[in-house]
N, C-alpha and C. Protein backbone atom coordinates (compact mmCIF):
# COMPACT_ATOMS: atom_id res chain seq x y z
N MET A 1 42.56 159.88 116.25
CA MET A 1 42.87 158.98 115.16
C MET A 1 44.16 159.46 114.49
N ALA A 2 44.87 158.50 113.93
CA ALA A 2 46.12 158.81 113.25
C ALA A 2 46.16 158.08 111.92
N THR A 3 46.91 158.63 110.99
CA THR A 3 46.98 158.07 109.64
C THR A 3 48.25 157.26 109.46
N CYS A 4 48.10 156.03 108.95
CA CYS A 4 49.24 155.17 108.66
C CYS A 4 50.05 155.76 107.51
N GLU A 5 51.36 155.85 107.70
CA GLU A 5 52.19 156.44 106.65
C GLU A 5 52.42 155.52 105.46
N VAL A 6 52.07 154.25 105.57
CA VAL A 6 52.22 153.32 104.44
C VAL A 6 50.95 153.23 103.61
N CYS A 7 49.83 152.92 104.26
CA CYS A 7 48.59 152.68 103.51
C CYS A 7 47.61 153.84 103.54
N GLY A 8 47.85 154.82 104.41
CA GLY A 8 46.97 155.99 104.47
C GLY A 8 45.69 155.80 105.26
N ASN A 9 45.53 154.63 105.90
CA ASN A 9 44.34 154.37 106.68
C ASN A 9 44.32 155.25 107.92
N ASP A 10 43.19 155.90 108.16
CA ASP A 10 43.00 156.72 109.36
C ASP A 10 42.36 155.81 110.40
N TYR A 11 43.11 155.48 111.46
CA TYR A 11 42.72 154.39 112.35
C TYR A 11 42.85 154.82 113.80
N ASP A 12 41.83 154.49 114.61
CA ASP A 12 41.84 154.91 116.01
C ASP A 12 42.82 154.11 116.87
N MET A 13 43.33 152.97 116.36
CA MET A 13 44.28 152.17 117.12
C MET A 13 45.68 152.19 116.48
N ALA A 14 45.97 153.23 115.74
CA ALA A 14 47.30 153.38 115.14
C ALA A 14 48.34 153.50 116.25
N PHE A 15 49.59 153.20 115.91
CA PHE A 15 50.66 153.27 116.90
C PHE A 15 51.89 153.92 116.28
N GLU A 16 52.78 154.40 117.15
CA GLU A 16 54.02 155.03 116.70
C GLU A 16 55.20 154.15 117.03
N ILE A 17 56.18 154.18 116.14
CA ILE A 17 57.48 153.54 116.39
C ILE A 17 58.53 154.63 116.32
N HIS A 18 59.38 154.67 117.34
CA HIS A 18 60.47 155.65 117.39
C HIS A 18 61.77 154.89 117.14
N THR A 19 62.55 155.31 116.15
CA THR A 19 63.80 154.64 115.83
C THR A 19 64.94 155.27 116.63
N LYS A 20 66.08 154.56 116.66
CA LYS A 20 67.25 155.06 117.38
C LYS A 20 67.70 156.41 116.84
N GLY A 21 67.51 156.62 115.56
CA GLY A 21 67.91 157.89 114.95
C GLY A 21 66.99 159.05 115.28
N GLY A 22 65.91 158.77 116.02
CA GLY A 22 64.99 159.83 116.42
C GLY A 22 63.80 159.99 115.50
N ASP A 23 63.71 159.19 114.43
CA ASP A 23 62.56 159.27 113.54
C ASP A 23 61.34 158.67 114.22
N ARG A 24 60.17 159.20 113.89
CA ARG A 24 58.91 158.70 114.40
C ARG A 24 58.05 158.27 113.23
N HIS A 25 57.46 157.09 113.34
CA HIS A 25 56.63 156.54 112.27
C HIS A 25 55.29 156.13 112.86
N THR A 26 54.21 156.34 112.09
CA THR A 26 52.87 155.97 112.51
C THR A 26 52.33 154.90 111.57
N PHE A 27 51.81 153.82 112.16
CA PHE A 27 51.28 152.70 111.39
C PHE A 27 49.95 152.24 111.97
N ASP A 28 49.16 151.59 111.13
CA ASP A 28 47.90 151.02 111.59
C ASP A 28 48.00 149.52 111.80
N SER A 29 49.13 148.91 111.41
CA SER A 29 49.30 147.46 111.56
C SER A 29 50.78 147.12 111.57
N PHE A 30 51.09 145.94 112.11
CA PHE A 30 52.47 145.46 112.07
C PHE A 30 52.89 145.22 110.62
N GLU A 31 51.96 144.79 109.79
CA GLU A 31 52.27 144.57 108.38
C GLU A 31 52.82 145.83 107.73
N CYS A 32 52.20 146.96 107.96
CA CYS A 32 52.68 148.21 107.39
C CYS A 32 54.03 148.61 108.00
N ALA A 33 54.21 148.38 109.30
CA ALA A 33 55.48 148.70 109.96
C ALA A 33 56.61 147.86 109.36
N ILE A 34 56.36 146.58 109.16
CA ILE A 34 57.36 145.70 108.56
C ILE A 34 57.68 146.15 107.15
N HIS A 35 56.65 146.46 106.38
CA HIS A 35 56.85 146.91 105.00
C HIS A 35 57.79 148.12 104.94
N LYS A 36 57.62 149.04 105.87
CA LYS A 36 58.41 150.28 105.87
C LYS A 36 59.78 150.13 106.52
N LEU A 37 59.88 149.39 107.63
CA LEU A 37 61.08 149.44 108.46
C LEU A 37 61.97 148.20 108.45
N ALA A 38 61.43 147.05 108.10
CA ALA A 38 62.22 145.81 108.20
C ALA A 38 63.34 145.78 107.16
N PRO A 39 64.49 145.22 107.54
CA PRO A 39 65.58 145.07 106.57
C PRO A 39 65.20 144.04 105.51
N VAL A 40 65.92 144.07 104.40
CA VAL A 40 65.67 143.16 103.29
C VAL A 40 66.80 142.14 103.22
N CYS A 41 66.46 140.87 103.04
CA CYS A 41 67.46 139.80 102.92
C CYS A 41 68.33 140.06 101.69
N GLU A 42 69.64 139.98 101.88
CA GLU A 42 70.60 140.22 100.79
C GLU A 42 70.52 139.15 99.71
N HIS A 43 69.99 137.97 100.05
CA HIS A 43 69.94 136.87 99.09
C HIS A 43 68.60 136.79 98.36
N CYS A 44 67.50 136.67 99.09
CA CYS A 44 66.21 136.43 98.45
C CYS A 44 65.33 137.66 98.34
N GLY A 45 65.68 138.74 99.04
CA GLY A 45 64.93 139.98 98.93
C GLY A 45 63.70 140.08 99.80
N CYS A 46 63.42 139.07 100.63
CA CYS A 46 62.23 139.15 101.48
C CYS A 46 62.49 140.10 102.65
N LYS A 47 61.42 140.62 103.22
CA LYS A 47 61.53 141.46 104.42
C LYS A 47 61.84 140.55 105.61
N VAL A 48 62.80 140.94 106.42
CA VAL A 48 63.20 140.14 107.58
C VAL A 48 62.41 140.62 108.78
N SER A 49 61.43 139.81 109.20
CA SER A 49 60.60 140.20 110.33
C SER A 49 60.96 139.43 111.60
N GLY A 50 61.92 138.51 111.49
CA GLY A 50 62.38 137.76 112.66
C GLY A 50 63.78 138.21 113.03
N HIS A 51 64.54 137.31 113.65
CA HIS A 51 65.89 137.65 114.10
C HIS A 51 66.84 137.88 112.95
N GLY A 52 66.76 137.08 111.90
CA GLY A 52 67.68 137.23 110.78
C GLY A 52 69.08 136.76 111.15
N VAL A 53 69.98 136.84 110.18
CA VAL A 53 71.36 136.41 110.35
C VAL A 53 72.26 137.51 109.79
N ASP A 54 73.18 137.98 110.60
CA ASP A 54 74.14 139.01 110.17
C ASP A 54 75.48 138.34 109.94
N VAL A 55 75.98 138.42 108.70
CA VAL A 55 77.28 137.84 108.37
C VAL A 55 78.11 138.93 107.70
N GLY A 56 79.16 139.35 108.38
CA GLY A 56 80.06 140.35 107.81
C GLY A 56 79.36 141.64 107.42
N GLY A 57 78.35 142.04 108.18
CA GLY A 57 77.65 143.29 107.89
C GLY A 57 76.53 143.15 106.87
N GLN A 58 76.34 141.97 106.33
CA GLN A 58 75.24 141.70 105.40
C GLN A 58 74.13 141.01 106.19
N PHE A 59 72.87 141.33 105.89
CA PHE A 59 71.75 140.80 106.65
C PHE A 59 70.94 139.84 105.81
N TYR A 60 70.62 138.68 106.39
CA TYR A 60 69.88 137.63 105.69
C TYR A 60 68.69 137.20 106.55
N CYS A 61 67.67 136.64 105.88
CA CYS A 61 66.48 136.20 106.62
C CYS A 61 66.72 134.89 107.35
N CYS A 62 67.68 134.08 106.89
CA CYS A 62 67.92 132.77 107.50
C CYS A 62 69.33 132.29 107.19
N ALA A 63 69.74 131.22 107.87
CA ALA A 63 71.08 130.68 107.66
C ALA A 63 71.26 130.15 106.24
N HIS A 64 70.21 129.60 105.66
CA HIS A 64 70.30 129.10 104.28
C HIS A 64 70.71 130.21 103.32
N CYS A 65 70.03 131.35 103.40
CA CYS A 65 70.36 132.47 102.51
C CYS A 65 71.77 132.99 102.79
N ALA A 66 72.18 133.01 104.05
CA ALA A 66 73.53 133.45 104.40
C ALA A 66 74.56 132.51 103.78
N ARG A 67 74.33 131.20 103.87
CA ARG A 67 75.27 130.23 103.28
C ARG A 67 75.32 130.36 101.77
N GLU A 68 74.18 130.60 101.14
CA GLU A 68 74.11 130.71 99.69
C GLU A 68 74.85 131.94 99.17
N SER A 69 74.89 133.00 99.95
CA SER A 69 75.41 134.28 99.48
C SER A 69 76.75 134.69 100.04
N SER A 70 77.17 134.09 101.12
CA SER A 70 78.34 134.57 101.83
C SER A 70 79.48 133.57 101.77
N GLU A 71 80.66 134.08 101.51
CA GLU A 71 81.84 133.22 101.56
C GLU A 71 82.13 132.80 103.00
N LEU A 72 81.69 133.60 103.95
CA LEU A 72 81.90 133.30 105.36
C LEU A 72 80.97 132.19 105.85
N GLY A 73 79.82 132.05 105.19
CA GLY A 73 78.85 131.03 105.57
C GLY A 73 78.19 131.34 106.89
N ALA A 74 77.28 130.47 107.28
CA ALA A 74 76.60 130.61 108.57
C ALA A 74 76.02 129.27 108.93
N GLN A 75 75.95 129.03 110.20
CA GLN A 75 75.37 127.77 110.69
C GLN A 75 74.07 128.09 111.42
N ALA A 76 73.03 127.36 111.08
CA ALA A 76 71.77 127.51 111.78
C ALA A 76 71.90 126.81 113.13
N ARG A 77 71.31 127.36 114.16
CA ARG A 77 71.31 126.72 115.46
C ARG A 77 70.15 125.75 115.52
N ASP A 78 70.44 124.50 115.75
CA ASP A 78 69.39 123.50 115.89
C ASP A 78 68.97 123.50 117.35
N ALA A 79 68.84 122.36 117.93
CA ALA A 79 68.41 122.24 119.32
C ALA A 79 69.51 122.75 120.27
N VAL A 80 69.10 123.35 121.35
CA VAL A 80 70.04 123.78 122.38
C VAL A 80 70.53 122.54 123.10
N PRO A 81 71.85 122.41 123.32
CA PRO A 81 72.37 121.23 124.01
C PRO A 81 71.75 121.05 125.39
N ALA A 82 71.60 119.81 125.81
CA ALA A 82 71.01 119.51 127.12
C ALA A 82 71.81 120.20 128.23
N GLY A 83 71.12 120.65 129.25
CA GLY A 83 71.78 121.28 130.38
C GLY A 83 71.95 122.76 130.24
N ARG A 84 71.49 123.36 129.17
CA ARG A 84 71.62 124.82 129.01
C ARG A 84 70.33 125.51 129.20
């Protein structure tokens, strides 16, 4: 059993995440992993658990937040054009 570093739960199905920097983290759920490791949207402050949008080195949860906060703006991708 291993102890989650966020909530302290001692859980037999805990898992480890290894970061590029060599850090190792132990969690009992994806929720705890997201809470600890996910980036924060520069506009609304939510944890970014999906792809997110990077504009000029700033990270946003979606194109809307990127457009609201960035002079560079961002376009959301709608449907993929036919034939791709």
